[in-house]
Amino acid sequence: MRNRKPFLAPLLFGVIGLTSIATDPHLSTYRAVDMVRLVGCGMCLGAALALFFKLRR
């Protein structure tokens, strides 16, 4: 039986990362580490979205 929900793991990592960045009290002073985390979260959310639409076909 095929696993139909492989997009949940990247979606979960992306959402957790974005919420941790958004709730950071020092949001106005971004560091390079924060930018890398933000790009990584975006990549996880993008991969989850792509897998979701691929499985919907």
PDB file of N, CA and C in Angstrom:
ATOM      1  N   MET A   1       0.834  -1.185   0.000  1.00  0.00           N
ATOM      2  CA  MET A   1       0.000   0.000   0.000  1.00  0.00           C
ATOM      3  C   MET A   1       0.873   1.240   0.000  1.00  0.00           C
ATOM      4  N   ARG A   2       0.526   2.167  -0.839  1.00  0.00           N
ATOM      5  CA  ARG A   2       1.318   3.378  -1.004  1.00  0.00           C
ATOM      6  C   ARG A   2       0.992   4.415   0.070  1.00  0.00           C
ATOM      7  N   ASN A   3       2.011   5.036   0.607  1.00  0.00           N
ATOM      8  CA  ASN A   3       1.803   6.105   1.578  1.00  0.00           C
ATOM      9  C   ASN A   3       1.356   7.354   0.841  1.00  0.00           C
ATOM     10  N   ARG A   4       0.180   7.854   1.119  1.00  0.00           N
ATOM     11  CA  ARG A   4      -0.388   8.969   0.382  1.00  0.00           C
ATOM     12  C   ARG A   4      -0.108  10.315   1.037  1.00  0.00           C
ATOM     13  N   LYS A   5       0.603  10.345   2.149  1.00  0.00           N
ATOM     14  CA  LYS A   5       0.821  11.617   2.839  1.00  0.00           C
ATOM     15  C   LYS A   5       2.298  11.891   3.134  1.00  0.00           C
ATOM     16  N   PRO A   6       3.172  11.848   2.140  1.00  0.00           N
ATOM     17  CA  PRO A   6       4.584  12.135   2.424  1.00  0.00           C
ATOM     18  C   PRO A   6       4.855  13.630   2.596  1.00  0.00           C
ATOM     19  N   PHE A   7       3.875  14.480   2.304  1.00  0.00           N
ATOM     20  CA  PHE A   7       4.073  15.919   2.408  1.00  0.00           C
ATOM     21  C   PHE A   7       3.922  16.415   3.843  1.00  0.00           C
ATOM     22  N   LEU A   8       3.468  15.562   4.771  1.00  0.00           N
ATOM     23  CA  LEU A   8       3.239  16.011   6.140  1.00  0.00           C
ATOM     24  C   LEU A   8       4.532  16.337   6.883  1.00  0.00           C
ATOM     25  N   ALA A   9       5.597  15.598   6.662  1.00  0.00           N
ATOM     26  CA  ALA A   9       6.857  15.864   7.364  1.00  0.00           C
ATOM     27  C   ALA A   9       7.446  17.223   6.975  1.00  0.00           C
ATOM     28  N   PRO A  10       7.617  17.539   5.667  1.00  0.00           N
ATOM     29  CA  PRO A  10       8.145  18.871   5.353  1.00  0.00           C
ATOM     30  C   PRO A  10       7.189  19.989   5.758  1.00  0.00           C
ATOM     31  N   LEU A  11       5.894  19.717   5.698  1.00  0.00           N
ATOM     32  CA  LEU A  11       4.913  20.725   6.119  1.00  0.00           C
ATOM     33  C   LEU A  11       5.062  21.006   7.603  1.00  0.00           C
ATOM     34  N   LEU A  12       5.225  19.961   8.389  1.00  0.00           N
ATOM     35  CA  LEU A  12       5.382  20.122   9.824  1.00  0.00           C
ATOM     36  C   LEU A  12       6.663  20.888  10.159  1.00  0.00           C
ATOM     37  N   PHE A  13       7.778  20.522   9.524  1.00  0.00           N
ATOM     38  CA  PHE A  13       9.038  21.232   9.768  1.00  0.00           C
ATOM     39  C   PHE A  13       8.948  22.694   9.350  1.00  0.00           C
ATOM     40  N   GLY A  14       8.302  22.955   8.234  1.00  0.00           N
ATOM     41  CA  GLY A  14       8.165  24.330   7.761  1.00  0.00           C
ATOM     42  C   GLY A  14       7.328  25.184   8.688  1.00  0.00           C
ATOM     43  N   VAL A  15       6.212  24.649   9.133  1.00  0.00           N
ATOM     44  CA  VAL A  15       5.325  25.415  10.016  1.00  0.00           C
ATOM     45  C   VAL A  15       5.976  25.659  11.377  1.00  0.00           C
ATOM     46  N   ILE A  16       6.632  24.645  11.915  1.00  0.00           N
ATOM     47  CA  ILE A  16       7.305  24.817  13.208  1.00  0.00           C
ATOM     48  C   ILE A  16       8.413  25.868  13.096  1.00  0.00           C
ATOM     49  N   GLY A  17       9.173  25.821  12.026  1.00  0.00           N
ATOM     50  CA  GLY A  17      10.246  26.809  11.845  1.00  0.00           C
ATOM     51  C   GLY A  17       9.719  28.221  11.674  1.00  0.00           C
ATOM     52  N   LEU A  18       8.664  28.377  10.888  1.00  0.00           N
ATOM     53  CA  LEU A  18       8.101  29.713  10.687  1.00  0.00           C
ATOM     54  C   LEU A  18       7.494  30.281  11.965  1.00  0.00           C
ATOM     55  N   THR A  19       6.830  29.446  12.746  1.00  0.00           N
ATOM     56  CA  THR A  19       6.263  29.959  13.998  1.00  0.00           C
ATOM     57  C   THR A  19       7.345  30.329  15.000  1.00  0.00           C
ATOM     58  N   SER A  20       8.451  29.583  15.009  1.00  0.00           N
ATOM     59  CA  SER A  20       9.527  29.947  15.934  1.00  0.00           C
ATOM     60  C   SER A  20      10.193  31.255  15.521  1.00  0.00           C
ATOM     61  N   ILE A  21      10.294  31.514  14.234  1.00  0.00           N
ATOM     62  CA  ILE A  21      10.865  32.780  13.768  1.00  0.00           C
ATOM     63  C   ILE A  21       9.894  33.929  14.009  1.00  0.00           C
ATOM     64  N   ALA A  22       8.601  33.703  13.744  1.00  0.00           N
ATOM     65  CA  ALA A  22       7.609  34.761  13.883  1.00  0.00           C
ATOM     66  C   ALA A  22       7.390  35.166  15.334  1.00  0.00           C
ATOM     67  N   THR A  23       7.573  34.251  16.273  1.00  0.00           N
ATOM     68  CA  THR A  23       7.363  34.582  17.684  1.00  0.00           C
ATOM     69  C   THR A  23       8.635  35.071  18.367  1.00  0.00           C
ATOM     70  N   ASP A  24       9.705  35.197  17.630  1.00  0.00           N
ATOM     71  CA  ASP A  24      10.970  35.676  18.197  1.00  0.00           C
ATOM     72  C   ASP A  24      10.845  37.165  18.527  1.00  0.00           C
ATOM     73  N   PRO A  25      11.156  37.573  19.761  1.00  0.00           N
ATOM     74  CA  PRO A  25      11.029  38.989  20.121  1.00  0.00           C
ATOM     75  C   PRO A  25      12.040  39.896  19.408  1.00  0.00           C
ATOM     76  N   HIS A  26      13.109  39.338  18.884  1.00  0.00           N
ATOM     77  CA  HIS A  26      14.130  40.130  18.186  1.00  0.00           C
ATOM     78  C   HIS A  26      13.962  40.007  16.674  1.00  0.00           C
ATOM     79  N   LEU A  27      12.733  40.071  16.221  1.00  0.00           N
ATOM     80  CA  LEU A  27      12.432  39.867  14.810  1.00  0.00           C
ATOM     81  C   LEU A  27      13.039  40.961  13.934  1.00  0.00           C
ATOM     82  N   SER A  28      13.167  42.154  14.454  1.00  0.00           N
ATOM     83  CA  SER A  28      13.670  43.261  13.634  1.00  0.00           C
ATOM     84  C   SER A  28      15.177  43.184  13.389  1.00  0.00           C
ATOM     85  N   THR A  29      15.889  42.455  14.206  1.00  0.00           N
ATOM     86  CA  THR A  29      17.344  42.341  14.029  1.00  0.00           C
ATOM     87  C   THR A  29      17.684  40.942  13.536  1.00  0.00           C
ATOM     88  N   TYR A  30      17.456  40.712  12.262  1.00  0.00           N
ATOM     89  CA  TYR A  30      17.758  39.413  11.662  1.00  0.00           C
ATOM     90  C   TYR A  30      19.255  39.187  11.594  1.00  0.00           C
ATOM     91  N   ARG A  31      19.661  37.982  11.874  1.00  0.00           N
ATOM     92  CA  ARG A  31      21.045  37.574  11.707  1.00  0.00           C
ATOM     93  C   ARG A  31      21.104  36.609  10.530  1.00  0.00           C
ATOM     94  N   ALA A  32      22.283  36.240  10.119  1.00  0.00           N
ATOM     95  CA  ALA A  32      22.448  35.322   8.991  1.00  0.00           C
ATOM     96  C   ALA A  32      21.838  33.954   9.304  1.00  0.00           C
ATOM     97  N   VAL A  33      21.931  33.526  10.545  1.00  0.00           N
ATOM     98  CA  VAL A  33      21.360  32.239  10.940  1.00  0.00           C
ATOM     99  C   VAL A  33      19.844  32.255  10.781  1.00  0.00           C
ATOM    100  N   ASP A  34      19.219  33.377  11.144  1.00  0.00           N
ATOM    101  CA  ASP A  34      17.768  33.492  10.995  1.00  0.00           C
ATOM    102  C   ASP A  34      17.351  33.465   9.535  1.00  0.00           C
ATOM    103  N   MET A  35      18.136  34.073   8.683  1.00  0.00           N
ATOM    104  CA  MET A  35      17.810  34.078   7.258  1.00  0.00           C
ATOM    105  C   MET A  35      17.927  32.674   6.674  1.00  0.00           C
ATOM    106  N   VAL A  36      18.927  31.912   7.095  1.00  0.00           N
ATOM    107  CA  VAL A  36      19.078  30.532   6.622  1.00  0.00           C
ATOM    108  C   VAL A  36      17.906  29.684   7.096  1.00  0.00           C
ATOM    109  N   ARG A  37      17.491  29.881   8.353  1.00  0.00           N
ATOM    110  CA  ARG A  37      16.319  29.156   8.857  1.00  0.00           C
ATOM    111  C   ARG A  37      15.069  29.522   8.076  1.00  0.00           C
ATOM    112  N   LEU A  38      14.901  30.770   7.744  1.00  0.00           N
ATOM    113  CA  LEU A  38      13.735  31.218   6.993  1.00  0.00           C
ATOM    114  C   LEU A  38      13.715  30.620   5.592  1.00  0.00           C
ATOM    115  N   VAL A  39      14.857  30.582   4.940  1.00  0.00           N
ATOM    116  CA  VAL A  39      14.947  29.958   3.614  1.00  0.00           C
ATOM    117  C   VAL A  39      14.674  28.458   3.712  1.00  0.00           C
ATOM    118  N   GLY A  40      15.210  27.813   4.729  1.00  0.00           N
ATOM    119  CA  GLY A  40      14.960  26.384   4.928  1.00  0.00           C
ATOM    120  C   GLY A  40      13.495  26.082   5.171  1.00  0.00           C
ATOM    121  N   CYS A  41      12.832  26.916   5.950  1.00  0.00           N
ATOM    122  CA  CYS A  41      11.393  26.733   6.200  1.00  0.00           C
ATOM    123  C   CYS A  41      10.600  26.912   4.914  1.00  0.00           C
ATOM    124  N   GLY A  42      10.987  27.884   4.115  1.00  0.00           N
ATOM    125  CA  GLY A  42      10.311  28.091   2.840  1.00  0.00           C
ATOM    126  C   GLY A  42      10.499  26.915   1.900  1.00  0.00           C
ATOM    127  N   MET A  43      11.685  26.328   1.913  1.00  0.00           N
ATOM    128  CA  MET A  43      11.935  25.157   1.071  1.00  0.00           C
ATOM    129  C   MET A  43      11.100  23.968   1.537  1.00  0.00           C
ATOM    130  N   CYS A  44      10.984  23.783   2.842  1.00  0.00           N
ATOM    131  CA  CYS A  44      10.158  22.683   3.357  1.00  0.00           C
ATOM    132  C   CYS A  44       8.692  22.883   3.001  1.00  0.00           C
ATOM    133  N   LEU A  45       8.202  24.098   3.148  1.00  0.00           N
ATOM    134  CA  LEU A  45       6.806  24.359   2.788  1.00  0.00           C
ATOM    135  C   LEU A  45       6.582  24.201   1.292  1.00  0.00           C
ATOM    136  N   GLY A  46       7.543  24.623   0.483  1.00  0.00           N
ATOM    137  CA  GLY A  46       7.431  24.449  -0.960  1.00  0.00           C
ATOM    138  C   GLY A  46       7.440  22.987  -1.367  1.00  0.00           C
ATOM    139  N   ALA A  47       8.281  22.190  -0.735  1.00  0.00           N
ATOM    140  CA  ALA A  47       8.318  20.760  -1.036  1.00  0.00           C
ATOM    141  C   ALA A  47       7.015  20.086  -0.625  1.00  0.00           C
ATOM    142  N   ALA A  48       6.480  20.468   0.524  1.00  0.00           N
ATOM    143  CA  ALA A  48       5.208  19.896   0.971  1.00  0.00           C
ATOM    144  C   ALA A  48       4.084  20.266   0.018  1.00  0.00           C
ATOM    145  N   LEU A  49       4.073  21.491  -0.436  1.00  0.00           N
ATOM    146  CA  LEU A  49       3.036  21.933  -1.373  1.00  0.00           C
ATOM    147  C   LEU A  49       3.153  21.211  -2.700  1.00  0.00           C
ATOM    148  N   ALA A  50       4.368  21.051  -3.186  1.00  0.00           N
ATOM    149  CA  ALA A  50       4.574  20.343  -4.454  1.00  0.00           C
ATOM    150  C   ALA A  50       4.164  18.877  -4.346  1.00  0.00           C
ATOM    151  N   LEU A  51       4.519  18.225  -3.255  1.00  0.00           N
ATOM    152  CA  LEU A  51       4.127  16.829  -3.060  1.00  0.00           C
ATOM    153  C   LEU A  51       2.618  16.688  -2.907  1.00  0.00           C
ATOM    154  N   PHE A  52       2.003  17.638  -2.232  1.00  0.00           N
ATOM    155  CA  PHE A  52       0.553  17.598  -2.059  1.00  0.00           C
ATOM    156  C   PHE A  52      -0.156  17.665  -3.401  1.00  0.00           C
ATOM    157  N   PHE A  53       0.247  18.601  -4.257  1.00  0.00           N
ATOM    158  CA  PHE A  53      -0.406  18.727  -5.563  1.00  0.00           C
ATOM    159  C   PHE A  53      -0.046  17.584  -6.506  1.00  0.00           C
ATOM    160  N   LYS A  54       1.145  17.023  -6.337  1.00  0.00           N
ATOM    161  CA  LYS A  54       1.518  15.875  -7.153  1.00  0.00           C
ATOM    162  C   LYS A  54       0.649  14.668  -6.806  1.00  0.00           C
ATOM    163  N   LEU A  55       0.372  14.491  -5.517  1.00  0.00           N
ATOM    164  CA  LEU A  55      -0.454  13.362  -5.101  1.00  0.00           C
ATOM    165  C   LEU A  55      -1.930  13.583  -5.417  1.00  0.00           C
ATOM    166  N   ARG A  56      -2.346  14.807  -5.561  1.00  0.00           N
ATOM    167  CA  ARG A  56      -3.750  15.104  -5.865  1.00  0.00           C
ATOM    168  C   ARG A  56      -4.103  14.768  -7.309  1.00  0.00           C
ATOM    169  N   ARG A  57      -3.128  14.661  -8.179  1.00  0.00           N
ATOM    170  CA  ARG A  57      -3.385  14.348  -9.591  1.00  0.00           C
ATOM    171  C   ARG A  57      -3.926  12.990  -9.769  1.00  0.00           C
TER     172      ARG A  57
END
